[in-house]
Amino acid sequence: MRQRRERGPLRSPLSLSDLAAHRVGELDAPQVERLEEHFFACASCARRLDVAEGVQAGIASAVREGGVSSSVTGEIVEHLAALGVRLRTYRVARREGHMIPAASRGR
């Protein structure tokens, strides 16, 4: 959990790391309350939060719909599979210094 100062006003605009920590639930209850009070008082930061949430939702939707592909480690694949996430994995073969997809299998 991130450590934050508990006293004094929050600086505007809030940093992207503050917005992200709030969005992904890394803050404890007093930190969340302090940030949310700031969002109610600061229209600029409230708009930034809305934009950040919209971007996150768009990315999540694109990934769910298969519009985004990526490479991840085996540990991440195992973790996601343990969480029940459906995955499509591809074995990759090396040829002349390039990575190319080989046979695919669904999970």
Protein backbone atom coordinates (compact mmCIF):
# COMPACT_ATOMS: atom_id res chain seq x y z
CA MET A 1 0.00 0.00 0.00
CA ARG A 2 1.30 3.42 -0.87
CA GLN A 3 2.18 5.77 1.94
CA ARG A 4 0.79 9.28 1.65
CA ARG A 5 0.99 12.38 3.79
CA GLU A 6 -2.10 12.63 5.94
CA ARG A 7 -1.97 16.36 6.71
CA GLY A 8 -2.23 19.48 4.61
CA PRO A 9 -4.08 20.13 1.37
CA LEU A 10 -3.60 17.90 -1.63
CA ARG A 11 -1.79 19.53 -4.52
CA SER A 12 -3.72 20.09 -7.73
CA PRO A 13 -3.66 18.56 -10.14
CA LEU A 14 -3.34 15.19 -8.49
CA SER A 15 -0.60 13.03 -9.96
CA LEU A 16 -1.44 10.17 -12.30
CA SER A 17 -0.01 7.79 -9.70
CA ASP A 18 -2.53 9.12 -7.13
CA LEU A 19 -5.37 8.67 -9.62
CA ALA A 20 -4.19 5.16 -10.50
CA ALA A 21 -3.74 4.16 -6.85
CA HIS A 22 -7.30 5.32 -6.17
CA ARG A 23 -8.67 3.51 -9.22
CA VAL A 24 -7.07 0.14 -8.49
CA GLY A 25 -7.82 0.16 -4.76
CA GLU A 26 -4.29 0.58 -3.40
CA LEU A 27 -5.31 3.19 -0.83
CA ASP A 28 -6.59 2.63 2.68
CA ALA A 29 -9.93 4.10 3.82
CA PRO A 30 -8.58 7.43 5.17
CA GLN A 31 -6.60 8.00 1.96
CA VAL A 32 -9.66 7.23 -0.18
CA GLU A 33 -11.78 9.60 1.88
CA ARG A 34 -9.19 12.37 1.55
CA LEU A 35 -8.92 11.92 -2.22
CA GLU A 36 -12.68 11.80 -2.69
CA GLU A 37 -13.09 15.00 -0.67
CA HIS A 38 -10.55 16.56 -3.03
CA PHE A 39 -12.49 15.36 -6.09
CA PHE A 40 -15.65 17.04 -4.77
CA ALA A 41 -13.79 20.31 -4.18
CA CYS A 42 -11.61 20.34 -7.32
CA ALA A 43 -13.40 20.21 -10.66
CA SER A 44 -10.11 19.84 -12.54
CA CYS A 45 -9.12 16.68 -10.68
CA ALA A 46 -12.65 15.30 -10.90
CA ARG A 47 -12.46 15.68 -14.70
CA ARG A 48 -9.01 14.02 -14.73
CA LEU A 49 -10.45 11.10 -12.75
CA ASP A 50 -13.37 10.78 -15.20
CA VAL A 51 -10.96 10.77 -18.16
CA ALA A 52 -8.67 8.20 -16.48
CA GLU A 53 -11.64 5.94 -15.70
CA GLY A 54 -12.87 6.26 -19.30
CA VAL A 55 -9.47 5.34 -20.69
CA GLN A 56 -9.22 2.36 -18.33
CA ALA A 57 -12.71 1.17 -19.32
CA GLY A 58 -11.86 1.51 -23.02
CA ILE A 59 -8.64 -0.46 -22.64
CA ALA A 60 -10.38 -3.18 -20.62
CA SER A 61 -13.11 -3.44 -23.26
CA ALA A 62 -10.61 -3.66 -26.11
CA VAL A 63 -8.66 -6.39 -24.32
CA ARG A 64 -11.82 -8.38 -23.49
CA GLU A 65 -12.97 -8.19 -27.11
CA GLY A 66 -9.61 -9.36 -28.44
CA GLY A 67 -8.72 -6.03 -30.01
CA VAL A 68 -5.43 -5.86 -28.16
CA SER A 69 -2.77 -8.53 -28.10
CA SER A 70 0.27 -8.65 -25.88
CA SER A 71 3.12 -10.77 -24.66
CA VAL A 72 3.32 -11.75 -21.01
CA THR A 73 5.41 -14.05 -18.87
CA GLY A 74 4.37 -17.57 -18.00
CA GLU A 75 3.88 -16.48 -14.38
CA ILE A 76 1.27 -13.93 -15.43
CA VAL A 77 -0.51 -16.50 -17.62
CA GLU A 78 -0.61 -18.96 -14.71
CA HIS A 79 -1.90 -16.27 -12.32
CA LEU A 80 -4.66 -15.21 -14.71
CA ALA A 81 -5.65 -18.82 -15.38
CA ALA A 82 -5.85 -19.42 -11.61
CA LEU A 83 -8.24 -16.46 -11.41
CA GLY A 84 -10.44 -18.10 -14.04
CA VAL A 85 -9.55 -15.76 -16.90
CA ARG A 86 -9.95 -17.39 -20.31
CA LEU A 87 -6.74 -17.07 -22.28
CA ARG A 88 -5.48 -17.90 -25.73
CA THR A 89 -1.79 -18.74 -25.70
CA TYR A 90 0.69 -19.20 -28.53
CA ARG A 91 3.98 -20.98 -28.51
CA VAL A 92 6.69 -18.88 -30.04
CA ALA A 93 9.60 -20.20 -32.06
CA ARG A 94 12.81 -18.30 -32.75
CA ARG A 95 14.01 -18.00 -36.32
CA GLU A 96 16.95 -15.84 -37.33
CA GLY A 97 16.61 -13.63 -34.26
CA HIS A 98 12.86 -13.03 -34.71
CA MET A 99 10.00 -14.33 -32.62
CA ILE A 100 7.25 -15.88 -34.70
CA PRO A 101 4.00 -17.53 -33.55
CA ALA A 102 3.86 -21.29 -33.78
CA ALA A 103 0.85 -23.52 -33.01
CA SER A 104 -1.90 -22.00 -30.89
CA ARG A 105 -3.98 -23.53 -28.17
CA GLY A 106 -6.88 -22.09 -26.19
CA ARG A 107 -7.27 -22.11 -22.44
